[in-house]
N, C-alpha and C. Protein backbone atom coordinates (compact mmCIF):
# COMPACT_ATOMS: atom_id res chain seq x y z
N UNK A 1 0.83 -1.17 0.00
CA UNK A 1 0.00 0.00 0.00
C UNK A 1 0.86 1.22 0.00
N UNK A 2 1.35 1.81 0.72
CA UNK A 2 2.23 2.92 0.59
C UNK A 2 1.44 4.18 0.55
N UNK A 3 2.14 5.19 0.71
CA UNK A 3 1.29 6.25 0.51
C UNK A 3 1.51 7.61 1.04
N UNK A 4 0.60 8.31 0.60
CA UNK A 4 0.56 9.72 0.77
C UNK A 4 -0.66 10.03 1.63
N UNK A 5 -0.50 10.83 2.64
CA UNK A 5 -1.61 11.13 3.55
C UNK A 5 -2.60 12.13 2.96
N UNK A 6 -2.26 12.71 1.83
CA UNK A 6 -3.15 13.70 1.24
C UNK A 6 -4.49 13.08 0.87
N UNK A 7 -5.55 13.78 1.19
CA UNK A 7 -6.92 13.40 0.89
C UNK A 7 -7.39 12.15 1.61
N UNK A 8 -6.82 11.81 2.75
CA UNK A 8 -7.32 10.71 3.55
C UNK A 8 -8.65 11.09 4.16
N UNK A 9 -9.50 10.11 4.35
CA UNK A 9 -10.76 10.34 5.03
C UNK A 9 -10.57 10.08 6.51
N UNK A 10 -11.48 10.55 7.33
CA UNK A 10 -11.43 10.28 8.75
C UNK A 10 -10.95 11.48 9.55
N UNK A 11 -11.07 11.39 10.86
CA UNK A 11 -10.76 12.54 11.71
C UNK A 11 -9.31 12.96 11.70
N UNK A 12 -8.35 12.05 11.47
CA UNK A 12 -6.96 12.49 11.40
C UNK A 12 -6.45 12.48 9.98
N UNK A 13 -7.35 12.55 9.04
CA UNK A 13 -6.96 12.56 7.64
C UNK A 13 -6.21 13.81 7.28
N UNK A 14 -5.49 13.71 6.22
CA UNK A 14 -4.74 14.86 5.74
C UNK A 14 -5.59 15.68 4.81
N UNK A 15 -4.99 16.14 3.79
CA UNK A 15 -5.69 16.97 2.84
C UNK A 15 -5.12 18.36 2.85
N UNK A 16 -5.58 19.15 1.92
CA UNK A 16 -5.09 20.51 1.79
C UNK A 16 -5.86 21.45 2.70
N UNK A 17 -5.17 22.32 3.42
CA UNK A 17 -5.87 23.30 4.25
C UNK A 17 -6.73 24.22 3.38
N UNK A 18 -7.90 24.55 3.87
CA UNK A 18 -8.79 25.46 3.17
C UNK A 18 -8.88 26.80 3.88
N UNK A 19 -8.48 26.83 5.14
CA UNK A 19 -8.57 28.05 5.94
C UNK A 19 -7.72 27.86 7.19
N UNK A 20 -7.72 28.86 8.02
CA UNK A 20 -7.07 28.79 9.33
C UNK A 20 -8.18 28.93 10.36
N UNK A 21 -8.23 27.99 11.30
CA UNK A 21 -9.28 28.01 12.31
C UNK A 21 -8.72 28.17 13.70
N UNK A 22 -9.53 28.77 14.57
CA UNK A 22 -9.14 29.03 15.96
C UNK A 22 -10.09 28.28 16.88
N UNK A 23 -9.54 27.58 17.88
CA UNK A 23 -10.34 26.88 18.88
C UNK A 23 -11.20 27.90 19.63
N UNK A 24 -12.50 27.58 19.79
CA UNK A 24 -13.39 28.50 20.48
C UNK A 24 -13.18 28.51 21.99
N UNK A 25 -12.41 27.56 22.52
CA UNK A 25 -12.14 27.51 23.97
C UNK A 25 -10.82 28.17 24.33
N UNK A 26 -9.72 27.72 23.71
CA UNK A 26 -8.40 28.21 24.14
C UNK A 26 -7.72 29.13 23.14
N UNK A 27 -8.24 29.21 21.92
CA UNK A 27 -7.67 30.12 20.93
C UNK A 27 -6.52 29.56 20.11
N UNK A 28 -6.17 28.28 20.29
CA UNK A 28 -5.11 27.68 19.47
C UNK A 28 -5.56 27.67 18.01
N UNK A 29 -4.61 27.84 17.10
CA UNK A 29 -4.96 27.87 15.68
C UNK A 29 -4.44 26.63 14.96
N UNK A 30 -5.20 26.21 13.96
CA UNK A 30 -4.88 25.02 13.17
C UNK A 30 -5.27 25.27 11.72
N UNK A 31 -4.57 24.63 10.77
CA UNK A 31 -5.09 24.62 9.41
C UNK A 31 -6.34 23.75 9.42
N UNK A 32 -7.38 24.17 8.73
CA UNK A 32 -8.66 23.47 8.78
C UNK A 32 -9.24 23.25 7.39
N UNK A 33 -10.20 22.34 7.34
CA UNK A 33 -11.03 22.12 6.16
C UNK A 33 -12.47 22.35 6.57
N UNK A 34 -13.28 22.79 5.61
CA UNK A 34 -14.72 22.96 5.84
C UNK A 34 -15.36 21.58 5.79
N UNK A 35 -16.16 21.25 6.81
CA UNK A 35 -16.80 19.94 6.86
C UNK A 35 -18.11 20.02 7.62
N UNK A 36 -19.18 19.55 6.99
CA UNK A 36 -20.51 19.48 7.63
C UNK A 36 -20.91 20.78 8.32
N UNK A 37 -20.68 21.89 7.67
CA UNK A 37 -21.10 23.18 8.23
C UNK A 37 -20.17 23.73 9.29
N UNK A 38 -19.07 23.06 9.55
CA UNK A 38 -18.11 23.53 10.54
C UNK A 38 -16.70 23.46 10.01
N UNK A 39 -15.75 23.53 10.89
CA UNK A 39 -14.34 23.45 10.52
C UNK A 39 -13.71 22.25 11.21
N UNK A 40 -12.88 21.50 10.47
CA UNK A 40 -12.18 20.35 11.01
C UNK A 40 -10.68 20.59 10.88
N UNK A 41 -9.95 20.52 12.00
CA UNK A 41 -8.49 20.69 11.92
C UNK A 41 -7.86 19.51 11.22
N UNK A 42 -6.82 19.76 10.45
CA UNK A 42 -6.12 18.68 9.78
C UNK A 42 -4.80 18.39 10.48
N UNK A 43 -4.43 17.11 10.45
CA UNK A 43 -3.17 16.69 11.06
C UNK A 43 -3.29 16.32 12.53
N UNK A 44 -4.50 16.40 13.08
CA UNK A 44 -4.74 16.00 14.46
C UNK A 44 -5.98 15.11 14.50
N UNK A 45 -6.40 14.68 15.65
CA UNK A 45 -7.50 13.73 15.78
C UNK A 45 -8.89 14.34 15.62
N UNK A 46 -8.98 15.59 15.22
CA UNK A 46 -10.28 16.23 15.05
C UNK A 46 -10.65 17.14 16.19
N UNK A 47 -9.80 17.18 17.21
CA UNK A 47 -10.04 18.08 18.34
C UNK A 47 -8.78 18.89 18.62
N UNK A 48 -8.97 19.95 19.34
CA UNK A 48 -7.85 20.78 19.78
C UNK A 48 -7.07 20.05 20.88
N UNK A 49 -5.89 20.53 21.17
CA UNK A 49 -5.11 19.95 22.27
C UNK A 49 -5.83 20.10 23.61
N UNK A 50 -6.77 21.07 23.72
CA UNK A 50 -7.51 21.24 24.97
C UNK A 50 -8.73 20.31 25.03
N UNK A 51 -9.03 19.61 23.92
CA UNK A 51 -10.15 18.68 23.88
C UNK A 51 -11.40 19.22 23.21
N UNK A 52 -11.43 20.50 22.92
CA UNK A 52 -12.57 21.12 22.26
C UNK A 52 -12.62 20.71 20.79
N UNK A 53 -13.83 20.61 20.24
CA UNK A 53 -13.94 20.25 18.83
C UNK A 53 -14.66 21.32 18.01
N UNK A 54 -14.75 22.53 18.54
CA UNK A 54 -15.38 23.62 17.80
C UNK A 54 -14.34 24.68 17.45
N UNK A 55 -14.36 25.07 16.18
CA UNK A 55 -13.40 26.03 15.66
C UNK A 55 -14.13 27.12 14.91
N UNK A 56 -13.55 28.32 14.90
CA UNK A 56 -14.10 29.42 14.13
C UNK A 56 -13.02 29.92 13.19
N UNK A 57 -13.43 30.49 12.06
CA UNK A 57 -12.43 30.98 11.12
C UNK A 57 -11.60 32.11 11.73
N UNK A 58 -10.34 32.17 11.36
CA UNK A 58 -9.48 33.26 11.77
C UNK A 58 -9.60 34.31 10.68
N UNK A 59 -9.92 35.51 11.06
CA UNK A 59 -10.09 36.59 10.06
C UNK A 59 -8.79 37.35 9.90
N UNK A 60 -8.61 37.87 8.71
CA UNK A 60 -7.46 38.72 8.44
C UNK A 60 -7.82 40.14 8.83
N UNK A 61 -7.10 40.69 9.82
CA UNK A 61 -7.39 42.05 10.24
C UNK A 61 -6.18 42.93 10.10
């Protein structure tokens, strides 16, 4: 099998970042993808290091 993590399915799947998201609890930022009306961090298990699973887009100010 071999492989490339790009475009993997599942909570720790890879893929290309679509935005930058911020944890709504602690403010940590992650590259994210849009999924089911929300944001999913890529490269981690689907949650922030604090355990929260809700993210909001980081705006350019």
